[in-house]
Amino acid sequence: MYFRLIAHAGPTHASTVTFLIPAVSIGWGALFLDEALTLPLLLGCAVILLGTALATGVLARLRIPARAV
């Protein structure tokens, strides 16, 4: 299934699965195991999400086009 994902979406988008595993694990741990969410964990998740957005080009698509003067 992973190789089909690579063939269909490309290697950059397929690798985001491995980037997001720590952030998802923290969320599941807090939800089901009642683990504490600390500021360093949340900042780490923010860095992971920002890095993933940069790697996949999501931020480039959200960029507001410059106005013509």
PDB file of N, CA and C in Angstrom:
ATOM      1  N   MET A   1       0.818  -1.167   0.000  1.00  0.00           N
ATOM      2  CA  MET A   1       0.000   0.000   0.000  1.00  0.00           C
ATOM      3  C   MET A   1       0.883   1.260   0.000  1.00  0.00           C
ATOM      4  N   TYR A   2       1.981   1.210   0.733  1.00  0.00           N
ATOM      5  CA  TYR A   2       2.872   2.369   0.793  1.00  0.00           C
ATOM      6  C   TYR A   2       3.490   2.662  -0.568  1.00  0.00           C
ATOM      7  N   PHE A   3       3.852   1.623  -1.307  1.00  0.00           N
ATOM      8  CA  PHE A   3       4.449   1.838  -2.622  1.00  0.00           C
ATOM      9  C   PHE A   3       3.426   2.386  -3.612  1.00  0.00           C
ATOM     10  N   ARG A   4       2.181   1.998  -3.473  1.00  0.00           N
ATOM     11  CA  ARG A   4       1.127   2.582  -4.314  1.00  0.00           C
ATOM     12  C   ARG A   4       0.942   4.054  -3.978  1.00  0.00           C
ATOM     13  N   LEU A   5       1.040   4.380  -2.679  1.00  0.00           N
ATOM     14  CA  LEU A   5       0.951   5.777  -2.272  1.00  0.00           C
ATOM     15  C   LEU A   5       2.096   6.589  -2.868  1.00  0.00           C
ATOM     16  N   ILE A   6       3.299   6.038  -2.844  1.00  0.00           N
ATOM     17  CA  ILE A   6       4.446   6.723  -3.446  1.00  0.00           C
ATOM     18  C   ILE A   6       4.230   6.919  -4.940  1.00  0.00           C
ATOM     19  N   ALA A   7       3.729   5.900  -5.611  1.00  0.00           N
ATOM     20  CA  ALA A   7       3.496   6.005  -7.054  1.00  0.00           C
ATOM     21  C   ALA A   7       2.406   7.023  -7.373  1.00  0.00           C
ATOM     22  N   HIS A   8       1.387   7.090  -6.533  1.00  0.00           N
ATOM     23  CA  HIS A   8       0.258   7.971  -6.804  1.00  0.00           C
ATOM     24  C   HIS A   8       0.514   9.409  -6.346  1.00  0.00           C
ATOM     25  N   ALA A   9       1.011   9.591  -5.115  1.00  0.00           N
ATOM     26  CA  ALA A   9       1.149  10.932  -4.554  1.00  0.00           C
ATOM     27  C   ALA A   9       2.557  11.480  -4.635  1.00  0.00           C
ATOM     28  N   GLY A  10       3.533  10.623  -4.829  1.00  0.00           N
ATOM     29  CA  GLY A  10       4.919  11.069  -4.875  1.00  0.00           C
ATOM     30  C   GLY A  10       5.608  10.840  -3.536  1.00  0.00           C
ATOM     31  N   PRO A  11       6.926  10.788  -3.561  1.00  0.00           N
ATOM     32  CA  PRO A  11       7.667  10.464  -2.337  1.00  0.00           C
ATOM     33  C   PRO A  11       7.586  11.547  -1.261  1.00  0.00           C
ATOM     34  N   THR A  12       7.477  12.797  -1.645  1.00  0.00           N
ATOM     35  CA  THR A  12       7.409  13.861  -0.642  1.00  0.00           C
ATOM     36  C   THR A  12       6.150  13.761   0.185  1.00  0.00           C
ATOM     37  N   HIS A  13       5.022  13.592  -0.474  1.00  0.00           N
ATOM     38  CA  HIS A  13       3.757  13.483   0.255  1.00  0.00           C
ATOM     39  C   HIS A  13       3.666  12.165   1.021  1.00  0.00           C
ATOM     40  N   ALA A  14       4.235  11.113   0.497  1.00  0.00           N
ATOM     41  CA  ALA A  14       4.207   9.827   1.196  1.00  0.00           C
ATOM     42  C   ALA A  14       5.054   9.865   2.463  1.00  0.00           C
ATOM     43  N   SER A  15       6.127  10.634   2.460  1.00  0.00           N
ATOM     44  CA  SER A  15       6.986  10.691   3.644  1.00  0.00           C
ATOM     45  C   SER A  15       6.368  11.495   4.777  1.00  0.00           C
ATOM     46  N   THR A  16       5.335  12.273   4.500  1.00  0.00           N
ATOM     47  CA  THR A  16       4.704  13.041   5.572  1.00  0.00           C
ATOM     48  C   THR A  16       4.077  12.136   6.618  1.00  0.00           C
ATOM     49  N   VAL A  17       3.761  10.914   6.253  1.00  0.00           N
ATOM     50  CA  VAL A  17       3.232   9.959   7.228  1.00  0.00           C
ATOM     51  C   VAL A  17       4.228   9.776   8.363  1.00  0.00           C
ATOM     52  N   THR A  18       5.505   9.631   8.040  1.00  0.00           N
ATOM     53  CA  THR A  18       6.510   9.426   9.079  1.00  0.00           C
ATOM     54  C   THR A  18       6.771  10.707   9.861  1.00  0.00           C
ATOM     55  N   PHE A  19       6.574  11.876   9.251  1.00  0.00           N
ATOM     56  CA  PHE A  19       6.754  13.130   9.981  1.00  0.00           C
ATOM     57  C   PHE A  19       5.682  13.301  11.047  1.00  0.00           C
ATOM     58  N   LEU A  20       4.477  12.877  10.758  1.00  0.00           N
ATOM     59  CA  LEU A  20       3.340  13.148  11.628  1.00  0.00           C
ATOM     60  C   LEU A  20       3.133  12.114  12.731  1.00  0.00           C
ATOM     61  N   ILE A  21       3.843  11.010  12.711  1.00  0.00           N
ATOM     62  CA  ILE A  21       3.658   9.966  13.724  1.00  0.00           C
ATOM     63  C   ILE A  21       3.864  10.493  15.147  1.00  0.00           C
ATOM     64  N   PRO A  22       4.915  11.271  15.452  1.00  0.00           N
ATOM     65  CA  PRO A  22       5.058  11.763  16.837  1.00  0.00           C
ATOM     66  C   PRO A  22       3.907  12.657  17.285  1.00  0.00           C
ATOM     67  N   ALA A  23       3.445  13.538  16.414  1.00  0.00           N
ATOM     68  CA  ALA A  23       2.354  14.440  16.787  1.00  0.00           C
ATOM     69  C   ALA A  23       1.056  13.674  17.025  1.00  0.00           C
ATOM     70  N   VAL A  24       0.774  12.707  16.186  1.00  0.00           N
ATOM     71  CA  VAL A  24      -0.437  11.903  16.355  1.00  0.00           C
ATOM     72  C   VAL A  24      -0.336  11.056  17.621  1.00  0.00           C
ATOM     73  N   SER A  25       0.839  10.541  17.910  1.00  0.00           N
ATOM     74  CA  SER A  25       1.034   9.735  19.110  1.00  0.00           C
ATOM     75  C   SER A  25       0.812  10.552  20.377  1.00  0.00           C
ATOM     76  N   ILE A  26       1.260  11.783  20.380  1.00  0.00           N
ATOM     77  CA  ILE A  26       1.040  12.654  21.536  1.00  0.00           C
ATOM     78  C   ILE A  26      -0.454  12.904  21.727  1.00  0.00           C
ATOM     79  N   GLY A  27      -1.153  13.145  20.638  1.00  0.00           N
ATOM     80  CA  GLY A  27      -2.600  13.367  20.721  1.00  0.00           C
ATOM     81  C   GLY A  27      -3.354  12.154  21.237  1.00  0.00           C
ATOM     82  N   TRP A  28      -3.023  10.971  20.710  1.00  0.00           N
ATOM     83  CA  TRP A  28      -3.687   9.751  21.171  1.00  0.00           C
ATOM     84  C   TRP A  28      -3.352   9.459  22.628  1.00  0.00           C
ATOM     85  N   GLY A  29      -2.097   9.716  23.034  1.00  0.00           N
ATOM     86  CA  GLY A  29      -1.709   9.496  24.424  1.00  0.00           C
ATOM     87  C   GLY A  29      -2.469  10.405  25.370  1.00  0.00           C
ATOM     88  N   ALA A  30      -2.649  11.656  24.969  1.00  0.00           N
ATOM     89  CA  ALA A  30      -3.402  12.592  25.811  1.00  0.00           C
ATOM     90  C   ALA A  30      -4.876  12.225  25.865  1.00  0.00           C
ATOM     91  N   LEU A  31      -5.413  11.773  24.755  1.00  0.00           N
ATOM     92  CA  LEU A  31      -6.845  11.467  24.683  1.00  0.00           C
ATOM     93  C   LEU A  31      -7.197  10.174  25.409  1.00  0.00           C
ATOM     94  N   PHE A  32      -6.459   9.112  25.156  1.00  0.00           N
ATOM     95  CA  PHE A  32      -6.837   7.803  25.687  1.00  0.00           C
ATOM     96  C   PHE A  32      -6.080   7.394  26.947  1.00  0.00           C
ATOM     97  N   LEU A  33      -4.864   7.864  27.128  1.00  0.00           N
ATOM     98  CA  LEU A  33      -4.061   7.435  28.264  1.00  0.00           C
ATOM     99  C   LEU A  33      -3.944   8.511  29.334  1.00  0.00           C
ATOM    100  N   ASP A  34      -4.616   9.634  29.101  1.00  0.00           N
ATOM    101  CA  ASP A  34      -4.633  10.740  30.058  1.00  0.00           C
ATOM    102  C   ASP A  34      -3.228  11.254  30.368  1.00  0.00           C
ATOM    103  N   GLU A  35      -2.378  11.282  29.364  1.00  0.00           N
ATOM    104  CA  GLU A  35      -1.031  11.816  29.530  1.00  0.00           C
ATOM    105  C   GLU A  35      -1.080  13.336  29.506  1.00  0.00           C
ATOM    106  N   ALA A  36      -0.144  13.940  30.200  1.00  0.00           N
ATOM    107  CA  ALA A  36      -0.124  15.396  30.306  1.00  0.00           C
ATOM    108  C   ALA A  36       0.408  16.025  29.020  1.00  0.00           C
ATOM    109  N   LEU A  37      -0.246  17.100  28.605  1.00  0.00           N
ATOM    110  CA  LEU A  37       0.233  17.894  27.477  1.00  0.00           C
ATOM    111  C   LEU A  37       0.987  19.084  28.045  1.00  0.00           C
ATOM    112  N   THR A  38       2.273  19.121  27.813  1.00  0.00           N
ATOM    113  CA  THR A  38       3.090  20.220  28.313  1.00  0.00           C
ATOM    114  C   THR A  38       3.406  21.179  27.178  1.00  0.00           C
ATOM    115  N   LEU A  39       3.882  22.343  27.551  1.00  0.00           N
ATOM    116  CA  LEU A  39       4.221  23.355  26.545  1.00  0.00           C
ATOM    117  C   LEU A  39       5.305  22.867  25.577  1.00  0.00           C
ATOM    118  N   PRO A  40       6.380  22.213  26.054  1.00  0.00           N
ATOM    119  CA  PRO A  40       7.375  21.714  25.090  1.00  0.00           C
ATOM    120  C   PRO A  40       6.805  20.694  24.100  1.00  0.00           C
ATOM    121  N   LEU A  41       5.875  19.852  24.550  1.00  0.00           N
ATOM    122  CA  LEU A  41       5.253  18.893  23.625  1.00  0.00           C
ATOM    123  C   LEU A  41       4.431  19.616  22.566  1.00  0.00           C
ATOM    124  N   LEU A  42       3.670  20.607  22.975  1.00  0.00           N
ATOM    125  CA  LEU A  42       2.848  21.347  22.012  1.00  0.00           C
ATOM    126  C   LEU A  42       3.705  22.159  21.054  1.00  0.00           C
ATOM    127  N   LEU A  43       4.797  22.732  21.546  1.00  0.00           N
ATOM    128  CA  LEU A  43       5.707  23.458  20.654  1.00  0.00           C
ATOM    129  C   LEU A  43       6.381  22.506  19.672  1.00  0.00           C
ATOM    130  N   GLY A  44       6.719  21.325  20.137  1.00  0.00           N
ATOM    131  CA  GLY A  44       7.292  20.316  19.250  1.00  0.00           C
ATOM    132  C   GLY A  44       6.317  19.910  18.162  1.00  0.00           C
ATOM    133  N   CYS A  45       5.042  19.754  18.532  1.00  0.00           N
ATOM    134  CA  CYS A  45       4.021  19.428  17.527  1.00  0.00           C
ATOM    135  C   CYS A  45       3.873  20.559  16.514  1.00  0.00           C
ATOM    136  N   ALA A  46       3.956  21.789  16.984  1.00  0.00           N
ATOM    137  CA  ALA A  46       3.862  22.930  16.070  1.00  0.00           C
ATOM    138  C   ALA A  46       5.037  22.937  15.089  1.00  0.00           C
ATOM    139  N   VAL A  47       6.226  22.620  15.576  1.00  0.00           N
ATOM    140  CA  VAL A  47       7.406  22.559  14.695  1.00  0.00           C
ATOM    141  C   VAL A  47       7.231  21.445  13.668  1.00  0.00           C
ATOM    142  N   ILE A  48       6.712  20.295  14.104  1.00  0.00           N
ATOM    143  CA  ILE A  48       6.478  19.173  13.191  1.00  0.00           C
ATOM    144  C   ILE A  48       5.481  19.564  12.108  1.00  0.00           C
ATOM    145  N   LEU A  49       4.376  20.183  12.504  1.00  0.00           N
ATOM    146  CA  LEU A  49       3.359  20.573  11.527  1.00  0.00           C
ATOM    147  C   LEU A  49       3.877  21.646  10.575  1.00  0.00           C
ATOM    148  N   LEU A  50       4.642  22.592  11.087  1.00  0.00           N
ATOM    149  CA  LEU A  50       5.208  23.628  10.226  1.00  0.00           C
ATOM    150  C   LEU A  50       6.212  23.035   9.244  1.00  0.00           C
ATOM    151  N   GLY A  51       7.060  22.132   9.724  1.00  0.00           N
ATOM    152  CA  GLY A  51       8.021  21.479   8.840  1.00  0.00           C
ATOM    153  C   GLY A  51       7.357  20.636   7.773  1.00  0.00           C
ATOM    154  N   THR A  52       6.295  19.948   8.158  1.00  0.00           N
ATOM    155  CA  THR A  52       5.546  19.145   7.185  1.00  0.00           C
ATOM    156  C   THR A  52       4.883  20.036   6.146  1.00  0.00           C
ATOM    157  N   ALA A  53       4.333  21.157   6.587  1.00  0.00           N
ATOM    158  CA  ALA A  53       3.708  22.089   5.645  1.00  0.00           C
ATOM    159  C   ALA A  53       4.742  22.678   4.688  1.00  0.00           C
ATOM    160  N   LEU A  54       5.930  22.961   5.199  1.00  0.00           N
ATOM    161  CA  LEU A  54       6.983  23.475   4.322  1.00  0.00           C
ATOM    162  C   LEU A  54       7.460  22.412   3.335  1.00  0.00           C
ATOM    163  N   ALA A  55       7.589  21.173   3.799  1.00  0.00           N
ATOM    164  CA  ALA A  55       8.091  20.100   2.937  1.00  0.00           C
ATOM    165  C   ALA A  55       7.116  19.744   1.823  1.00  0.00           C
ATOM    166  N   THR A  56       5.834  19.845   2.099  1.00  0.00           N
ATOM    167  CA  THR A  56       4.846  19.466   1.096  1.00  0.00           C
ATOM    168  C   THR A  56       4.399  20.627   0.225  1.00  0.00           C
ATOM    169  N   GLY A  57       4.774  21.838   0.578  1.00  0.00           N
ATOM    170  CA  GLY A  57       4.393  22.992  -0.221  1.00  0.00           C
ATOM    171  C   GLY A  57       3.038  23.560   0.117  1.00  0.00           C
ATOM    172  N   VAL A  58       2.467  23.172   1.235  1.00  0.00           N
ATOM    173  CA  VAL A  58       1.158  23.689   1.628  1.00  0.00           C
ATOM    174  C   VAL A  58       1.230  25.194   1.883  1.00  0.00           C
ATOM    175  N   LEU A  59       2.292  25.647   2.507  1.00  0.00           N
ATOM    176  CA  LEU A  59       2.423  27.079   2.784  1.00  0.00           C
ATOM    177  C   LEU A  59       2.576  27.892   1.507  1.00  0.00           C
ATOM    178  N   ALA A  60       3.188  27.329   0.507  1.00  0.00           N
ATOM    179  CA  ALA A  60       3.332  28.045  -0.763  1.00  0.00           C
ATOM    180  C   ALA A  60       1.978  28.240  -1.434  1.00  0.00           C
ATOM    181  N   ARG A  61       1.087  27.270  -1.281  1.00  0.00           N
ATOM    182  CA  ARG A  61      -0.251  27.390  -1.872  1.00  0.00           C
ATOM    183  C   ARG A  61      -1.117  28.380  -1.111  1.00  0.00           C
ATOM    184  N   LEU A  62      -0.826  28.605   0.182  1.00  0.00           N
ATOM    185  CA  LEU A  62      -1.617  29.531   0.977  1.00  0.00           C
ATOM    186  C   LEU A  62      -1.138  30.971   0.860  1.00  0.00           C
ATOM    187  N   ARG A  63      -0.037  31.168   0.189  1.00  0.00           N
ATOM    188  CA  ARG A  63       0.541  32.502   0.057  1.00  0.00           C
ATOM    189  C   ARG A  63      -0.425  33.411  -0.692  1.00  0.00           C
ATOM    190  N   ILE A  64      -0.588  34.618  -0.175  1.00  0.00           N
ATOM    191  CA  ILE A  64      -1.481  35.604  -0.795  1.00  0.00           C
ATOM    192  C   ILE A  64      -0.730  36.257  -1.950  1.00  0.00           C
ATOM    193  N   PRO A  65      -1.318  36.279  -3.138  1.00  0.00           N
ATOM    194  CA  PRO A  65      -0.631  36.887  -4.277  1.00  0.00           C
ATOM    195  C   PRO A  65      -0.430  38.381  -4.066  1.00  0.00           C
ATOM    196  N   ALA A  66       0.683  38.898  -4.573  1.00  0.00           N
ATOM    197  CA  ALA A  66       0.989  40.318  -4.451  1.00  0.00           C
ATOM    198  C   ALA A  66       0.054  41.132  -5.325  1.00  0.00           C
ATOM    199  N   ARG A  67      -0.280  42.309  -4.853  1.00  0.00           N
ATOM    200  CA  ARG A  67      -1.149  43.197  -5.621  1.00  0.00           C
ATOM    201  C   ARG A  67      -0.380  43.863  -6.746  1.00  0.00           C
ATOM    202  N   ALA A  68      -1.031  44.001  -7.847  1.00  0.00           N
ATOM    203  CA  ALA A  68      -0.429  44.735  -8.966  1.00  0.00           C
ATOM    204  C   ALA A  68      -0.589  46.216  -8.688  1.00  0.00           C
ATOM    205  N   VAL A  69       0.486  46.953  -8.833  1.00  0.00           N
ATOM    206  CA  VAL A  69       0.451  48.388  -8.531  1.00  0.00           C
ATOM    207  C   VAL A  69       0.231  49.173  -9.777  1.00  0.00           C
TER     208      VAL A  69
END
